C-alpha atoms as a PDB file:
ATOM      1  CA  MET A   1    -132.266 -30.202 -79.617  1.00  0.00           C
ATOM      2  CA  ALA A   2    -135.193 -32.443 -80.486  1.00  0.00           C
ATOM      3  CA  LYS A   3    -134.647 -36.058 -81.449  1.00  0.00           C
ATOM      4  CA  LYS A   4    -133.863 -36.490 -85.124  1.00  0.00           C
ATOM      5  CA  SER A   5    -136.662 -39.035 -85.444  1.00  0.00           C
ATOM      6  CA  TRP A   6    -139.269 -36.521 -84.239  1.00  0.00           C
ATOM      7  CA  ILE A   7    -138.067 -33.916 -86.707  1.00  0.00           C
ATOM      8  CA  ALA A   8    -138.013 -36.457 -89.549  1.00  0.00           C
ATOM      9  CA  ARG A   9    -141.509 -37.705 -88.663  1.00  0.00           C
ATOM     10  CA  ASN A  10    -142.861 -34.171 -88.739  1.00  0.00           C
ATOM     11  CA  GLU A  11    -141.219 -33.498 -92.129  1.00  0.00           C
ATOM     12  CA  LYS A  12    -142.784 -36.692 -93.472  1.00  0.00           C
ATOM     13  CA  ARG A  13    -146.185 -35.508 -92.234  1.00  0.00           C
ATOM     14  CA  LYS A  14    -145.706 -32.171 -94.019  1.00  0.00           C
ATOM     15  CA  ARG A  15    -144.999 -33.978 -97.293  1.00  0.00           C
ATOM     16  CA  THR A  16    -148.074 -36.197 -96.814  1.00  0.00           C
ATOM     17  CA  VAL A  17    -150.289 -33.162 -96.135  1.00  0.00           C
ATOM     18  CA  GLU A  18    -149.042 -31.506 -99.350  1.00  0.00           C
ATOM     19  CA  LYS A  19    -149.562 -34.701-101.332  1.00  0.00           C
ATOM     20  CA  PHE A  20    -153.194 -35.177-100.265  1.00  0.00           C
ATOM     21  CA  ALA A  21    -154.244 -31.509 -99.900  1.00  0.00           C
ATOM     22  CA  GLU A  22    -156.116 -31.333-103.208  1.00  0.00           C
ATOM     23  CA  LYS A  23    -157.842 -34.692-102.697  1.00  0.00           C
ATOM     24  CA  ARG A  24    -158.891 -33.738 -99.130  1.00  0.00           C
ATOM     25  CA  LYS A  25    -160.340 -30.476-100.413  1.00  0.00           C
ATOM     26  CA  GLU A  26    -162.369 -32.249-103.109  1.00  0.00           C
ATOM     27  CA  LEU A  27    -163.685 -34.868-100.677  1.00  0.00           C
ATOM     28  CA  LYS A  28    -164.660 -32.211 -98.125  1.00  0.00           C
ATOM     29  CA  GLU A  29    -166.528 -30.151-100.725  1.00  0.00           C
ATOM     30  CA  ALA A  30    -168.354 -33.267-101.915  1.00  0.00           C
ATOM     31  CA  GLY A  31    -169.204 -34.217 -98.327  1.00  0.00           C
ATOM     32  CA  ASP A  32    -167.647 -37.671 -98.774  1.00  0.00           C
ATOM     33  CA  TYR A  33    -166.575 -38.360 -95.188  1.00  0.00           C
ATOM     34  CA  GLU A  34    -166.078 -42.078 -95.815  1.00  0.00           C
ATOM     35  CA  GLY A  35    -163.568 -41.191 -98.508  1.00  0.00           C
ATOM     36  CA  LEU A  36    -161.812 -38.862 -96.085  1.00  0.00           C
ATOM     37  CA  GLN A  37    -161.516 -41.678 -93.563  1.00  0.00           C
ATOM     38  CA  LYS A  38    -159.734 -43.829 -96.150  1.00  0.00           C
ATOM     39  CA  LEU A  39    -156.954 -41.262 -96.547  1.00  0.00           C
ATOM     40  CA  PRO A  40    -153.855 -41.690 -94.365  1.00  0.00           C
ATOM     41  CA  ARG A  41    -154.074 -40.177 -90.883  1.00  0.00           C
ATOM     42  CA  ASP A  42    -151.048 -38.009 -91.546  1.00  0.00           C
ATOM     43  CA  ALA A  43    -152.822 -36.371 -94.492  1.00  0.00           C
ATOM     44  CA  SER A  44    -154.648 -34.157 -92.010  1.00  0.00           C
ATOM     45  CA  PRO A  45    -152.924 -30.786 -91.507  1.00  0.00           C
ATOM     46  CA  THR A  46    -153.744 -30.803 -87.788  1.00  0.00           C
ATOM     47  CA  ARG A  47    -151.225 -33.607 -87.256  1.00  0.00           C
ATOM     48  CA  VAL A  48    -148.308 -31.395 -88.294  1.00  0.00           C
ATOM     49  CA  ARG A  49    -146.492 -29.923 -85.303  1.00  0.00           C
ATOM     50  CA  ASN A  50    -144.939 -26.448 -85.413  1.00  0.00           C
ATOM     51  CA  ARG A  51    -141.223 -26.855 -84.733  1.00  0.00           C
ATOM     52  CA  CYS A  52    -138.256 -24.515 -84.521  1.00  0.00           C
ATOM     53  CA  SER A  53    -136.413 -24.480 -87.846  1.00  0.00           C
ATOM     54  CA  ILE A  54    -133.032 -24.425 -86.083  1.00  0.00           C
ATOM     55  CA  THR A  55    -133.345 -26.782 -83.105  1.00  0.00           C
ATOM     56  CA  GLY A  56    -136.572 -28.676 -83.766  1.00  0.00           C
ATOM     57  CA  ARG A  57    -138.015 -27.619 -80.408  1.00  0.00           C
ATOM     58  CA  SER A  58    -141.815 -27.939 -80.414  1.00  0.00           C
ATOM     59  CA  ARG A  59    -142.731 -25.808 -77.402  1.00  0.00           C
ATOM     60  CA  GLY A  60    -142.420 -22.048 -77.264  1.00  0.00           C
ATOM     61  CA  TYR A  61    -142.684 -21.755 -81.057  1.00  0.00           C
ATOM     62  CA  VAL A  62    -143.001 -18.186 -82.395  1.00  0.00           C
ATOM     63  CA  SER A  63    -144.817 -18.516 -85.726  1.00  0.00           C
ATOM     64  CA  ARG A  64    -143.900 -15.053 -86.992  1.00  0.00           C
ATOM     65  CA  PHE A  65    -140.233 -16.053 -87.117  1.00  0.00           C
ATOM     66  CA  GLY A  66    -140.460 -19.836 -87.340  1.00  0.00           C
ATOM     67  CA  VAL A  67    -138.161 -20.421 -84.359  1.00  0.00           C
ATOM     68  CA  SER A  68    -138.514 -21.174 -80.664  1.00  0.00           C
ATOM     69  CA  ARG A  69    -138.544 -18.454 -78.018  1.00  0.00           C
ATOM     70  CA  ILE A  70    -135.023 -19.376 -76.936  1.00  0.00           C
ATOM     71  CA  LYS A  71    -133.494 -19.129 -80.411  1.00  0.00           C
ATOM     72  CA  LEU A  72    -135.478 -15.957 -81.084  1.00  0.00           C
ATOM     73  CA  ARG A  73    -133.891 -14.301 -78.062  1.00  0.00           C
ATOM     74  CA  GLU A  74    -130.400 -15.470 -79.014  1.00  0.00           C
ATOM     75  CA  LEU A  75    -130.762 -14.263 -82.609  1.00  0.00           C
ATOM     76  CA  ALA A  76    -132.259 -10.947 -81.510  1.00  0.00           C
ATOM     77  CA  LEU A  77    -129.461 -10.281 -79.020  1.00  0.00           C
ATOM     78  CA  ASP A  78    -126.857 -11.100 -81.682  1.00  0.00           C
ATOM     79  CA  GLY A  79    -128.587  -8.622 -84.014  1.00  0.00           C
ATOM     80  CA  LYS A  80    -129.358 -11.267 -86.641  1.00  0.00           C
ATOM     81  CA  ILE A  81    -133.064 -10.413 -86.863  1.00  0.00           C
ATOM     82  CA  PRO A  82    -133.550  -6.978 -88.415  1.00  0.00           C
ATOM     83  CA  GLY A  83    -135.855  -4.611 -86.551  1.00  0.00           C
ATOM     84  CA  ILE A  84    -135.819  -6.570 -83.289  1.00  0.00           C
ATOM     85  CA  LYS A  85    -134.071  -5.251 -80.213  1.00  0.00           C
ATOM     86  CA  LYS A  86    -134.314  -5.835 -76.493  1.00  0.00           C
ATOM     87  CA  ALA A  87    -136.796  -3.563 -74.784  1.00  0.00           C
ATOM     88  CA  SER A  88    -135.600  -1.177 -72.125  1.00  0.00           C
ATOM     89  CA  TRP A  89    -137.460   1.582 -70.317  1.00  0.00           C
END
């Protein structure tokens, strides 16, 4: 489980990105790079980290499901993800 502060910080960044998305788009189209620099750092979408929605783990994130590789395996083995089963041949 990731630290609560890391998860909270990432959620705050997501809100900031949403808040400034329209303004960033306008400034980029206008070519106003000085205006872009005056926006908060966390307004850039590249600063948002992909995290598991269950545990908050940042590494081994599977974007198709929004969870980490570990939780994906657990959920798949429990049959909680439809259409996913363990391979055997």
